Amino acid sequence: MISYVRGELASVEPDKAVVDVGGVGYGVFMPQQALSMLPSPGSEVKLYTYLNVKEDAMQLFGFLTKDDLEIFKLVIGVSGIGPKGGLNILSCMTPDDLRFAIMSGDAKAISAAPGIGKKTAEKLILELRDKVDIETVLDHAAHGNDTVQVTSGAAESSMQAEAVQALTALGYGNAESLRAVKKTSPDCQTVEDILKEALKYLF
């Protein structure tokens, strides 16, 4: 298993990056959004990879962060979705958008990816909903992968998660509760503050 490749970015092609590692060029298939975030050729890059072995080929799929790789592995763990399908999904939406779509049951957003039909999207949601938690969705939405803010962000996302659970207990849907809480101000100090503000968006 190749966990990652690090070397000089030789070129960026329409569907993959070529990384020169000790004189060997590795073609690494990547989501379109990730390809657009790569530095200029000649720069050093580190890509977290998944090696897919088939009878007639070995393919490397690469991602900018370990987190992106993990969500990719969750997606291709769903029967009926292969690596190319997973790449298509993550080319159309960010990993955080995908998490939110899974939590909110938004099959339409997922099925917008090429080769992913409505039934496949619904299956993905059904199989992954228990593997994606609310706090992760909210924490990433608020702070992305900024490790400097993880400590303060954890407390904030915990309050937001409680607010979402409170709203669903009041009868609001999971999707609309998540959306309303995501719109609240980061200045909210308590769960009650978040609820009051979120309810304004729900009325």
N, C-alpha and C. Protein backbone atom coordinates (compact mmCIF):
# COMPACT_ATOMS: atom_id res chain seq x y z
N MET A 1 0.84 -1.20 0.00
CA MET A 1 0.00 0.00 0.00
C MET A 1 0.88 1.25 0.00
N ILE A 2 0.59 2.18 -0.88
CA ILE A 2 1.32 3.44 -0.93
C ILE A 2 0.49 4.48 -0.18
N SER A 3 0.95 4.89 1.00
CA SER A 3 0.19 5.81 1.84
C SER A 3 0.24 7.24 1.33
N TYR A 4 1.38 7.64 0.79
CA TYR A 4 1.48 8.98 0.22
C TYR A 4 2.67 9.03 -0.72
N VAL A 5 2.69 10.04 -1.58
CA VAL A 5 3.85 10.30 -2.43
C VAL A 5 4.27 11.75 -2.19
N ARG A 6 5.58 11.96 -2.10
CA ARG A 6 6.09 13.32 -1.93
C ARG A 6 7.22 13.53 -2.91
N GLY A 7 7.13 14.60 -3.64
CA GLY A 7 8.17 14.88 -4.63
C GLY A 7 7.84 16.15 -5.39
N GLU A 8 8.48 16.32 -6.52
CA GLU A 8 8.29 17.52 -7.33
C GLU A 8 7.08 17.34 -8.24
N LEU A 9 6.21 18.33 -8.27
CA LEU A 9 5.07 18.29 -9.17
C LEU A 9 5.57 18.52 -10.58
N ALA A 10 5.55 17.48 -11.39
CA ALA A 10 6.07 17.58 -12.76
C ALA A 10 5.08 18.25 -13.70
N SER A 11 3.80 17.86 -13.57
CA SER A 11 2.77 18.44 -14.43
C SER A 11 1.38 18.18 -13.86
N VAL A 12 0.43 18.98 -14.33
CA VAL A 12 -0.98 18.79 -13.95
C VAL A 12 -1.77 18.54 -15.23
N GLU A 13 -2.36 17.37 -15.35
CA GLU A 13 -3.15 17.00 -16.51
C GLU A 13 -4.63 17.13 -16.18
N PRO A 14 -5.51 16.98 -17.17
CA PRO A 14 -6.94 17.18 -16.92
C PRO A 14 -7.53 16.34 -15.79
N ASP A 15 -7.00 15.13 -15.61
CA ASP A 15 -7.59 14.26 -14.58
C ASP A 15 -6.58 13.79 -13.53
N LYS A 16 -5.33 14.19 -13.68
CA LYS A 16 -4.33 13.71 -12.71
C LYS A 16 -3.13 14.63 -12.61
N ALA A 17 -2.38 14.41 -11.53
CA ALA A 17 -1.11 15.12 -11.34
C ALA A 17 0.01 14.11 -11.53
N VAL A 18 1.13 14.56 -12.06
CA VAL A 18 2.30 13.70 -12.21
C VAL A 18 3.35 14.20 -11.23
N VAL A 19 3.74 13.32 -10.29
CA VAL A 19 4.69 13.69 -9.26
C VAL A 19 5.99 12.92 -9.47
N ASP A 20 7.09 13.66 -9.57
CA ASP A 20 8.40 13.05 -9.76
C ASP A 20 8.98 12.70 -8.39
N VAL A 21 9.10 11.40 -8.14
CA VAL A 21 9.67 10.93 -6.87
C VAL A 21 10.94 10.16 -7.18
N GLY A 22 12.07 10.78 -6.94
CA GLY A 22 13.34 10.12 -7.20
C GLY A 22 13.54 9.70 -8.64
N GLY A 23 13.04 10.51 -9.56
CA GLY A 23 13.22 10.20 -10.98
C GLY A 23 12.13 9.34 -11.58
N VAL A 24 11.15 8.93 -10.77
CA VAL A 24 10.02 8.14 -11.27
C VAL A 24 8.76 9.01 -11.23
N GLY A 25 8.07 9.12 -12.36
CA GLY A 25 6.87 9.93 -12.43
C GLY A 25 5.63 9.14 -12.08
N TYR A 26 4.97 9.49 -10.97
CA TYR A 26 3.74 8.81 -10.55
C TYR A 26 2.53 9.62 -11.03
N GLY A 27 1.66 8.97 -11.81
CA GLY A 27 0.42 9.61 -12.22
C GLY A 27 -0.62 9.38 -11.14
N VAL A 28 -1.12 10.46 -10.55
CA VAL A 28 -2.05 10.35 -9.43
C VAL A 28 -3.38 11.00 -9.81
N PHE A 29 -4.42 10.20 -9.92
CA PHE A 29 -5.75 10.72 -10.24
C PHE A 29 -6.29 11.49 -9.04
N MET A 30 -6.86 12.69 -9.28
CA MET A 30 -7.33 13.53 -8.20
C MET A 30 -8.67 14.19 -8.54
N PRO A 31 -9.44 14.58 -7.51
CA PRO A 31 -10.67 15.34 -7.78
C PRO A 31 -10.32 16.67 -8.44
N GLN A 32 -11.23 17.17 -9.27
CA GLN A 32 -10.96 18.42 -9.98
C GLN A 32 -10.66 19.58 -9.04
N GLN A 33 -11.39 19.65 -7.94
CA GLN A 33 -11.18 20.76 -7.01
C GLN A 33 -9.78 20.70 -6.40
N ALA A 34 -9.31 19.49 -6.12
CA ALA A 34 -7.97 19.33 -5.55
C ALA A 34 -6.90 19.69 -6.58
N LEU A 35 -7.13 19.28 -7.83
CA LEU A 35 -6.17 19.61 -8.90
C LEU A 35 -6.00 21.12 -9.04
N SER A 36 -7.12 21.84 -8.90
CA SER A 36 -7.08 23.30 -9.07
C SER A 36 -6.34 23.98 -7.92
N MET A 37 -6.15 23.27 -6.80
CA MET A 37 -5.47 23.86 -5.63
C MET A 37 -3.98 23.54 -5.58
N LEU A 38 -3.50 22.76 -6.53
CA LEU A 38 -2.08 22.40 -6.53
C LEU A 38 -1.21 23.61 -6.88
N PRO A 39 0.02 23.64 -6.36
CA PRO A 39 0.93 24.74 -6.70
C PRO A 39 1.42 24.58 -8.14
N SER A 40 2.22 25.49 -8.59
CA SER A 40 2.74 25.43 -9.96
C SER A 40 3.75 24.29 -10.10
N PRO A 41 3.85 23.72 -11.31
CA PRO A 41 4.83 22.65 -11.55
C PRO A 41 6.23 23.08 -11.13
N GLY A 42 6.97 22.15 -10.53
CA GLY A 42 8.30 22.45 -10.02
C GLY A 42 8.29 22.57 -8.50
N SER A 43 7.09 22.76 -7.93
CA SER A 43 6.97 22.86 -6.48
C SER A 43 6.94 21.47 -5.86
N GLU A 44 7.29 21.38 -4.58
CA GLU A 44 7.19 20.09 -3.89
C GLU A 44 5.77 19.89 -3.38
N VAL A 45 5.25 18.68 -3.55
CA VAL A 45 3.91 18.36 -3.08
C VAL A 45 3.92 17.04 -2.31
N LYS A 46 2.93 16.90 -1.44
CA LYS A 46 2.72 15.64 -0.74
C LYS A 46 1.25 15.27 -0.90
N LEU A 47 1.00 14.12 -1.51
CA LEU A 47 -0.37 13.68 -1.75
C LEU A 47 -0.63 12.37 -1.01
N TYR A 48 -1.73 12.35 -0.28
CA TYR A 48 -2.14 11.13 0.42
C TYR A 48 -2.88 10.26 -0.59
N THR A 49 -2.48 9.00 -0.67
CA THR A 49 -2.92 8.19 -1.80
C THR A 49 -3.65 6.90 -1.41
N TYR A 50 -4.44 6.46 -2.38
CA TYR A 50 -5.12 5.17 -2.30
C TYR A 50 -4.75 4.39 -3.55
N LEU A 51 -4.20 3.19 -3.38
CA LEU A 51 -3.80 2.37 -4.52
C LEU A 51 -4.90 1.38 -4.85
N ASN A 52 -5.42 1.49 -6.07
CA ASN A 52 -6.47 0.59 -6.53
C ASN A 52 -5.86 -0.43 -7.50
N VAL A 53 -5.91 -1.69 -7.15
CA VAL A 53 -5.31 -2.74 -7.97
C VAL A 53 -6.41 -3.53 -8.69
N LYS A 54 -6.31 -3.53 -10.01
CA LYS A 54 -7.25 -4.30 -10.84
C LYS A 54 -6.44 -5.34 -11.63
N GLU A 55 -7.15 -6.22 -12.31
CA GLU A 55 -6.47 -7.26 -13.09
C GLU A 55 -5.56 -6.68 -14.16
N ASP A 56 -6.00 -5.56 -14.76
CA ASP A 56 -5.25 -5.02 -15.89
C ASP A 56 -4.56 -3.69 -15.59
N ALA A 57 -4.65 -3.22 -14.34
CA ALA A 57 -4.03 -1.92 -14.06
C ALA A 57 -3.89 -1.66 -12.56
N MET A 58 -2.95 -0.78 -12.24
CA MET A 58 -2.83 -0.27 -10.87
C MET A 58 -2.97 1.25 -10.95
N GLN A 59 -3.88 1.80 -10.17
CA GLN A 59 -4.13 3.23 -10.24
C GLN A 59 -3.96 3.86 -8.86
N LEU A 60 -3.33 5.04 -8.87
CA LEU A 60 -3.17 5.81 -7.64
C LEU A 60 -4.17 6.96 -7.63
N PHE A 61 -4.88 7.11 -6.52
CA PHE A 61 -5.80 8.22 -6.35
C PHE A 61 -5.26 9.07 -5.21
N GLY A 62 -5.16 10.38 -5.44
CA GLY A 62 -4.51 11.22 -4.46
C GLY A 62 -5.36 12.36 -3.92
N PHE A 63 -5.01 12.80 -2.70
CA PHE A 63 -5.77 13.85 -2.02
C PHE A 63 -4.82 14.75 -1.25
N LEU A 64 -5.26 15.97 -1.01
CA LEU A 64 -4.40 16.96 -0.36
C LEU A 64 -4.28 16.75 1.14
N THR A 65 -5.30 16.13 1.76
CA THR A 65 -5.26 15.89 3.21
C THR A 65 -5.67 14.46 3.54
N LYS A 66 -5.29 14.01 4.72
CA LYS A 66 -5.69 12.69 5.18
C LYS A 66 -7.21 12.61 5.31
N ASP A 67 -7.80 13.73 5.72
CA ASP A 67 -9.25 13.79 5.90
C ASP A 67 -9.96 13.53 4.58
N ASP A 68 -9.48 14.14 3.49
CA ASP A 68 -10.07 13.93 2.17
C ASP A 68 -9.95 12.46 1.76
N LEU A 69 -8.80 11.87 2.06
CA LEU A 69 -8.58 10.46 1.74
C LEU A 69 -9.56 9.56 2.50
N GLU A 70 -9.78 9.88 3.78
CA GLU A 70 -10.67 9.06 4.60
C GLU A 70 -12.10 9.10 4.09
N ILE A 71 -12.59 10.27 3.69
CA ILE A 71 -13.96 10.36 3.18
C ILE A 71 -14.07 9.62 1.85
N PHE A 72 -12.99 9.65 1.05
CA PHE A 72 -12.96 8.91 -0.21
C PHE A 72 -13.09 7.41 0.05
N LYS A 73 -12.34 6.92 1.05
CA LYS A 73 -12.38 5.49 1.37
C LYS A 73 -13.75 5.08 1.90
N LEU A 74 -14.41 5.97 2.63
CA LEU A 74 -15.77 5.67 3.08
C LEU A 74 -16.71 5.54 1.89
N VAL A 75 -16.57 6.46 0.94
CA VAL A 75 -17.45 6.46 -0.24
C VAL A 75 -17.29 5.20 -1.07
N ILE A 76 -16.03 4.80 -1.34
CA ILE A 76 -15.83 3.62 -2.20
C ILE A 76 -16.12 2.33 -1.44
N GLY A 77 -16.33 2.44 -0.13
CA GLY A 77 -16.75 1.27 0.64
C GLY A 77 -18.21 0.93 0.44
N VAL A 78 -18.94 1.83 -0.18
CA VAL A 78 -20.36 1.60 -0.49
C VAL A 78 -20.42 0.76 -1.77
N SER A 79 -21.10 -0.35 -1.71
CA SER A 79 -21.18 -1.23 -2.88
C SER A 79 -21.83 -0.49 -4.05
N GLY A 80 -21.21 -0.64 -5.21
CA GLY A 80 -21.72 0.01 -6.41
C GLY A 80 -20.99 1.30 -6.74
N ILE A 81 -20.10 1.75 -5.82
CA ILE A 81 -19.32 2.96 -6.09
C ILE A 81 -17.84 2.60 -6.08
N GLY A 82 -17.22 2.71 -7.23
CA GLY A 82 -15.80 2.42 -7.35
C GLY A 82 -14.98 3.68 -7.18
N PRO A 83 -13.65 3.55 -7.28
CA PRO A 83 -12.78 4.72 -7.14
C PRO A 83 -13.11 5.87 -8.10
N LYS A 84 -13.42 5.54 -9.35
CA LYS A 84 -13.74 6.60 -10.31
C LYS A 84 -15.03 7.31 -9.90
N GLY A 85 -16.01 6.53 -9.39
CA GLY A 85 -17.26 7.13 -8.92
C GLY A 85 -17.01 8.04 -7.73
N GLY A 86 -16.15 7.57 -6.82
CA GLY A 86 -15.80 8.38 -5.65
C GLY A 86 -15.12 9.67 -6.05
N LEU A 87 -14.25 9.57 -7.06
CA LEU A 87 -13.54 10.75 -7.56
C LEU A 87 -14.52 11.73 -8.20
N ASN A 88 -15.51 11.19 -8.93
CA ASN A 88 -16.52 12.05 -9.56
C ASN A 88 -17.32 12.83 -8.51
N ILE A 89 -17.66 12.14 -7.43
CA ILE A 89 -18.42 12.80 -6.35
C ILE A 89 -17.59 13.92 -5.74
N LEU A 90 -16.32 13.64 -5.43
CA LEU A 90 -15.47 14.63 -4.79
C LEU A 90 -14.95 15.69 -5.76
N SER A 91 -15.23 15.51 -7.05
CA SER A 91 -14.93 16.55 -8.02
C SER A 91 -16.07 17.56 -8.08
N CYS A 92 -17.26 17.11 -7.71
CA CYS A 92 -18.45 17.96 -7.76
C CYS A 92 -18.73 18.67 -6.44
N MET A 93 -18.24 18.10 -5.35
CA MET A 93 -18.48 18.69 -4.04
C MET A 93 -17.30 18.45 -3.12
N THR A 94 -17.06 19.36 -2.22
CA THR A 94 -15.95 19.20 -1.27
C THR A 94 -16.31 18.10 -0.28
N PRO A 95 -15.31 17.54 0.41
CA PRO A 95 -15.60 16.54 1.43
C PRO A 95 -16.58 17.05 2.49
N ASP A 96 -16.46 18.32 2.86
CA ASP A 96 -17.38 18.88 3.86
C ASP A 96 -18.79 19.00 3.30
N ASP A 97 -18.92 19.38 2.01
CA ASP A 97 -20.24 19.44 1.38
C ASP A 97 -20.85 18.04 1.33
N LEU A 98 -20.02 17.04 1.07
CA LEU A 98 -20.51 15.67 1.01
C LEU A 98 -20.99 15.21 2.38
N ARG A 99 -20.23 15.54 3.43
CA ARG A 99 -20.66 15.19 4.78
C ARG A 99 -22.02 15.81 5.10
N PHE A 100 -22.17 17.09 4.74
CA PHE A 100 -23.42 17.78 5.01
C PHE A 100 -24.57 17.13 4.23
N ALA A 101 -24.30 16.77 2.97
CA ALA A 101 -25.33 16.13 2.15
C ALA A 101 -25.75 14.78 2.75
N ILE A 102 -24.77 14.05 3.28
CA ILE A 102 -25.07 12.75 3.91
C ILE A 102 -25.92 12.96 5.16
N MET A 103 -25.53 13.91 6.01
CA MET A 103 -26.25 14.17 7.24
C MET A 103 -27.66 14.67 6.98
N SER A 104 -27.81 15.49 5.94
CA SER A 104 -29.12 16.09 5.65
C SER A 104 -29.96 15.26 4.69
N GLY A 105 -29.39 14.14 4.20
CA GLY A 105 -30.15 13.28 3.29
C GLY A 105 -30.36 13.88 1.92
N ASP A 106 -29.42 14.70 1.47
CA ASP A 106 -29.56 15.39 0.19
C ASP A 106 -29.04 14.53 -0.96
N ALA A 107 -29.86 13.59 -1.40
CA ALA A 107 -29.45 12.68 -2.48
C ALA A 107 -29.30 13.43 -3.80
N LYS A 108 -30.08 14.50 -3.98
CA LYS A 108 -30.03 15.26 -5.23
C LYS A 108 -28.63 15.85 -5.45
N ALA A 109 -28.03 16.39 -4.39
CA ALA A 109 -26.70 16.99 -4.52
C ALA A 109 -25.66 15.94 -4.89
N ILE A 110 -25.76 14.78 -4.27
CA ILE A 110 -24.78 13.71 -4.54
C ILE A 110 -24.97 13.13 -5.93
N SER A 111 -26.22 12.98 -6.35
CA SER A 111 -26.48 12.36 -7.66
C SER A 111 -26.16 13.30 -8.82
N ALA A 112 -25.75 14.54 -8.51
CA ALA A 112 -25.33 15.46 -9.57
C ALA A 112 -23.98 15.04 -10.15
N ALA A 113 -23.26 14.17 -9.42
CA ALA A 113 -21.97 13.69 -9.90
C ALA A 113 -22.17 12.74 -11.08
N PRO A 114 -21.31 12.82 -12.09
CA PRO A 114 -21.43 11.93 -13.26
C PRO A 114 -21.38 10.46 -12.85
N GLY A 115 -22.32 9.68 -13.36
CA GLY A 115 -22.33 8.24 -13.10
C GLY A 115 -22.95 7.84 -11.78
N ILE A 116 -23.44 8.82 -11.00
CA ILE A 116 -24.06 8.51 -9.72
C ILE A 116 -25.56 8.80 -9.80
N GLY A 117 -26.35 7.75 -9.84
CA GLY A 117 -27.80 7.92 -9.93
C GLY A 117 -28.43 8.17 -8.57
N LYS A 118 -29.73 8.45 -8.60
CA LYS A 118 -30.45 8.76 -7.36
C LYS A 118 -30.42 7.59 -6.38
N LYS A 119 -30.63 6.37 -6.88
CA LYS A 119 -30.65 5.21 -6.00
C LYS A 119 -29.28 4.98 -5.36
N THR A 120 -28.22 5.17 -6.13
CA THR A 120 -26.87 5.01 -5.58
C THR A 120 -26.60 6.07 -4.52
N ALA A 121 -27.04 7.30 -4.78
CA ALA A 121 -26.86 8.39 -3.81
C ALA A 121 -27.62 8.08 -2.52
N GLU A 122 -28.83 7.58 -2.66
CA GLU A 122 -29.63 7.25 -1.47
C GLU A 122 -28.98 6.11 -0.68
N LYS A 123 -28.40 5.16 -1.40
CA LYS A 123 -27.71 4.05 -0.75
C LYS A 123 -26.48 4.56 0.01
N LEU A 124 -25.76 5.48 -0.61
CA LEU A 124 -24.58 6.06 0.03
C LEU A 124 -24.97 6.76 1.34
N ILE A 125 -26.04 7.53 1.28
CA ILE A 125 -26.53 8.24 2.47
C ILE A 125 -26.91 7.24 3.56
N LEU A 126 -27.62 6.21 3.18
CA LEU A 126 -28.09 5.21 4.14
C LEU A 126 -26.92 4.51 4.83
N GLU A 127 -25.90 4.16 4.04
CA GLU A 127 -24.78 3.40 4.59
C GLU A 127 -23.77 4.26 5.37
N LEU A 128 -23.68 5.55 5.04
CA LEU A 128 -22.66 6.39 5.66
C LEU A 128 -23.18 7.34 6.73
N ARG A 129 -24.50 7.46 6.86
CA ARG A 129 -25.05 8.42 7.82
C ARG A 129 -24.54 8.17 9.23
N ASP A 130 -24.42 6.91 9.63
CA ASP A 130 -23.95 6.60 10.98
C ASP A 130 -22.44 6.75 11.13
N LYS A 131 -21.74 6.94 10.01
CA LYS A 131 -20.29 7.07 10.06
C LYS A 131 -19.83 8.53 9.98
N VAL A 132 -20.78 9.43 9.82
CA VAL A 132 -20.48 10.86 9.77
C VAL A 132 -21.26 11.53 10.89
N ASP A 133 -20.55 12.15 11.85
CA ASP A 133 -21.25 12.74 12.98
C ASP A 133 -21.46 14.24 12.80
N ILE A 134 -22.45 14.77 13.48
CA ILE A 134 -22.83 16.17 13.36
C ILE A 134 -21.68 17.10 13.74
N GLU A 135 -20.97 16.76 14.82
CA GLU A 135 -19.90 17.64 15.28
C GLU A 135 -18.80 17.80 14.23
N THR A 136 -18.49 16.71 13.53
CA THR A 136 -17.47 16.80 12.48
C THR A 136 -17.92 17.73 11.37
N VAL A 137 -19.20 17.59 10.96
CA VAL A 137 -19.74 18.44 9.90
C VAL A 137 -19.67 19.90 10.31
N LEU A 138 -20.14 20.21 11.53
CA LEU A 138 -20.18 21.59 11.98
C LEU A 138 -18.79 22.16 12.23
N ASP A 139 -17.89 21.35 12.78
CA ASP A 139 -16.54 21.81 13.07
C ASP A 139 -15.80 22.14 11.78
N HIS A 140 -15.95 21.29 10.78
CA HIS A 140 -15.29 21.53 9.49
C HIS A 140 -15.90 22.73 8.80
N ALA A 141 -17.22 22.88 8.93
CA ALA A 141 -17.89 24.01 8.29
C ALA A 141 -17.41 25.32 8.89
N ALA A 142 -17.16 25.32 10.21
CA ALA A 142 -16.76 26.54 10.89
C ALA A 142 -15.27 26.84 10.72
N HIS A 143 -14.44 25.78 10.77
CA HIS A 143 -13.00 26.02 10.83
C HIS A 143 -12.18 25.29 9.77
N GLY A 144 -12.80 24.48 8.96
CA GLY A 144 -12.04 23.74 7.97
C GLY A 144 -11.02 22.86 8.63
N ASN A 145 -9.80 22.85 8.11
CA ASN A 145 -8.73 22.04 8.68
C ASN A 145 -7.72 22.90 9.43
N ASP A 146 -8.16 24.04 9.94
CA ASP A 146 -7.26 24.95 10.64
C ASP A 146 -6.94 24.41 12.03
N THR A 147 -5.80 23.78 12.19
CA THR A 147 -5.47 23.14 13.46
C THR A 147 -5.27 24.13 14.59
N VAL A 148 -4.98 25.39 14.26
CA VAL A 148 -4.78 26.39 15.31
C VAL A 148 -6.08 26.62 16.07
N GLN A 149 -7.22 26.43 15.39
CA GLN A 149 -8.49 26.73 16.01
C GLN A 149 -9.22 25.49 16.53
N VAL A 150 -8.58 24.36 16.51
CA VAL A 150 -9.25 23.12 16.86
C VAL A 150 -9.80 23.14 18.29
N THR A 151 -9.02 23.64 19.25
CA THR A 151 -9.47 23.62 20.64
C THR A 151 -10.73 24.43 20.85
N SER A 152 -10.71 25.69 20.39
CA SER A 152 -11.90 26.52 20.55
C SER A 152 -13.02 26.04 19.65
N GLY A 153 -12.65 25.52 18.48
CA GLY A 153 -13.66 25.05 17.55
C GLY A 153 -14.41 23.84 18.06
N ALA A 154 -13.74 22.99 18.83
CA ALA A 154 -14.38 21.79 19.36
C ALA A 154 -15.54 22.15 20.28
N ALA A 155 -15.32 23.16 21.14
CA ALA A 155 -16.38 23.59 22.06
C ALA A 155 -17.55 24.18 21.28
N GLU A 156 -17.22 24.99 20.27
CA GLU A 156 -18.27 25.62 19.47
C GLU A 156 -19.10 24.58 18.72
N SER A 157 -18.41 23.61 18.09
CA SER A 157 -19.13 22.60 17.32
C SER A 157 -19.97 21.71 18.23
N SER A 158 -19.52 21.51 19.48
CA SER A 158 -20.29 20.73 20.44
C SER A 158 -21.60 21.43 20.76
N MET A 159 -21.54 22.76 20.95
CA MET A 159 -22.76 23.52 21.21
C MET A 159 -23.69 23.49 20.00
N GLN A 160 -23.10 23.60 18.82
CA GLN A 160 -23.91 23.57 17.60
C GLN A 160 -24.58 22.21 17.44
N ALA A 161 -23.86 21.15 17.77
CA ALA A 161 -24.43 19.80 17.68
C ALA A 161 -25.62 19.66 18.64
N GLU A 162 -25.47 20.21 19.85
CA GLU A 162 -26.58 20.17 20.81
C GLU A 162 -27.78 20.94 20.29
N ALA A 163 -27.50 22.08 19.65
CA ALA A 163 -28.58 22.89 19.10
C ALA A 163 -29.33 22.15 18.00
N VAL A 164 -28.58 21.46 17.13
CA VAL A 164 -29.21 20.67 16.06
C VAL A 164 -30.10 19.59 16.66
N GLN A 165 -29.59 18.90 17.67
CA GLN A 165 -30.37 17.84 18.31
C GLN A 165 -31.62 18.39 18.97
N ALA A 166 -31.51 19.59 19.57
CA ALA A 166 -32.67 20.22 20.21
C ALA A 166 -33.72 20.58 19.16
N LEU A 167 -33.28 21.08 18.03
CA LEU A 167 -34.22 21.46 16.96
C LEU A 167 -34.94 20.24 16.38
N THR A 168 -34.19 19.16 16.21
CA THR A 168 -34.84 17.95 15.69
C THR A 168 -35.82 17.38 16.70
N ALA A 169 -35.52 17.56 18.00
CA ALA A 169 -36.44 17.11 19.05
C ALA A 169 -37.73 17.93 19.03
N LEU A 170 -37.60 19.18 18.54
CA LEU A 170 -38.78 20.05 18.44
C LEU A 170 -39.62 19.74 17.20
N GLY A 171 -39.09 18.85 16.37
CA GLY A 171 -39.86 18.44 15.20
C GLY A 171 -39.34 18.94 13.87
N TYR A 172 -38.27 19.71 13.90
CA TYR A 172 -37.69 20.19 12.64
C TYR A 172 -36.87 19.07 12.01
N GLY A 173 -36.77 19.08 10.69
CA GLY A 173 -36.01 18.05 9.99
C GLY A 173 -34.52 18.21 10.22
N ASN A 174 -33.79 17.12 10.05
CA ASN A 174 -32.34 17.14 10.25
C ASN A 174 -31.66 18.12 9.30
N ALA A 175 -32.10 18.12 8.04
CA ALA A 175 -31.48 18.98 7.04
C ALA A 175 -31.69 20.45 7.35
N GLU A 176 -32.94 20.84 7.63
CA GLU A 176 -33.20 22.26 7.89
C GLU A 176 -32.58 22.71 9.21
N SER A 177 -32.49 21.80 10.18
CA SER A 177 -31.86 22.15 11.45
C SER A 177 -30.37 22.42 11.25
N LEU A 178 -29.70 21.56 10.48
CA LEU A 178 -28.28 21.74 10.19
C LEU A 178 -28.02 23.05 9.46
N ARG A 179 -28.86 23.33 8.46
CA ARG A 179 -28.67 24.55 7.68
C ARG A 179 -28.86 25.80 8.55
N ALA A 180 -29.88 25.77 9.41
CA ALA A 180 -30.16 26.92 10.26
C ALA A 180 -29.02 27.16 11.25
N VAL A 181 -28.50 26.10 11.84
CA VAL A 181 -27.42 26.24 12.82
C VAL A 181 -26.14 26.71 12.14
N LYS A 182 -25.90 26.27 10.91
CA LYS A 182 -24.70 26.71 10.19
C LYS A 182 -24.73 28.21 9.90
N LYS A 183 -25.94 28.80 9.85
CA LYS A 183 -26.07 30.22 9.54
C LYS A 183 -25.87 31.12 10.77
N THR A 184 -25.86 30.51 11.95
CA THR A 184 -25.77 31.33 13.17
C THR A 184 -24.41 31.98 13.33
N SER A 185 -24.39 33.06 14.09
CA SER A 185 -23.16 33.82 14.30
C SER A 185 -22.17 33.07 15.18
N PRO A 186 -20.87 33.16 14.88
CA PRO A 186 -19.86 32.52 15.73
C PRO A 186 -19.75 33.21 17.10
N ASP A 187 -20.42 34.35 17.24
CA ASP A 187 -20.39 35.08 18.51
C ASP A 187 -21.34 34.49 19.55
N CYS A 188 -22.18 33.54 19.16
CA CYS A 188 -23.10 32.92 20.11
C CYS A 188 -22.30 32.22 21.21
N GLN A 189 -22.65 32.50 22.47
CA GLN A 189 -21.89 32.00 23.61
C GLN A 189 -22.46 30.72 24.21
N THR A 190 -23.77 30.48 24.01
CA THR A 190 -24.42 29.31 24.62
C THR A 190 -25.28 28.59 23.60
N VAL A 191 -25.73 27.41 23.97
CA VAL A 191 -26.63 26.64 23.10
C VAL A 191 -27.92 27.43 22.90
N GLU A 192 -28.37 28.09 23.98
CA GLU A 192 -29.61 28.87 23.90
C GLU A 192 -29.48 30.00 22.88
N ASP A 193 -28.30 30.65 22.85
CA ASP A 193 -28.06 31.72 21.88
C ASP A 193 -28.16 31.18 20.46
N ILE A 194 -27.56 30.02 20.25
CA ILE A 194 -27.58 29.41 18.92
C ILE A 194 -29.02 29.05 18.53
N LEU A 195 -29.76 28.48 19.48
CA LEU A 195 -31.16 28.10 19.20
C LEU A 195 -32.01 29.31 18.84
N LYS A 196 -31.86 30.39 19.60
CA LYS A 196 -32.66 31.59 19.34
C LYS A 196 -32.40 32.12 17.93
N GLU A 197 -31.11 32.14 17.57
CA GLU A 197 -30.75 32.66 16.25
C GLU A 197 -31.18 31.70 15.14
N ALA A 198 -31.01 30.41 15.39
CA ALA A 198 -31.38 29.42 14.37
C ALA A 198 -32.88 29.43 14.11
N LEU A 199 -33.66 29.61 15.17
CA LEU A 199 -35.12 29.62 15.02
C LEU A 199 -35.60 30.77 14.13
N LYS A 200 -34.84 31.87 14.12
CA LYS A 200 -35.20 32.98 13.25
C LYS A 200 -35.16 32.58 11.78
N TYR A 201 -34.19 31.69 11.46
CA TYR A 201 -34.07 31.24 10.07
C TYR A 201 -35.11 30.19 9.72
N LEU A 202 -35.67 29.55 10.75
CA LEU A 202 -36.64 28.49 10.52
C LEU A 202 -38.08 29.01 10.42
N PHE A 203 -38.32 30.21 10.97
CA PHE A 203 -39.68 30.78 10.89
C PHE A 203 -39.92 31.44 9.55
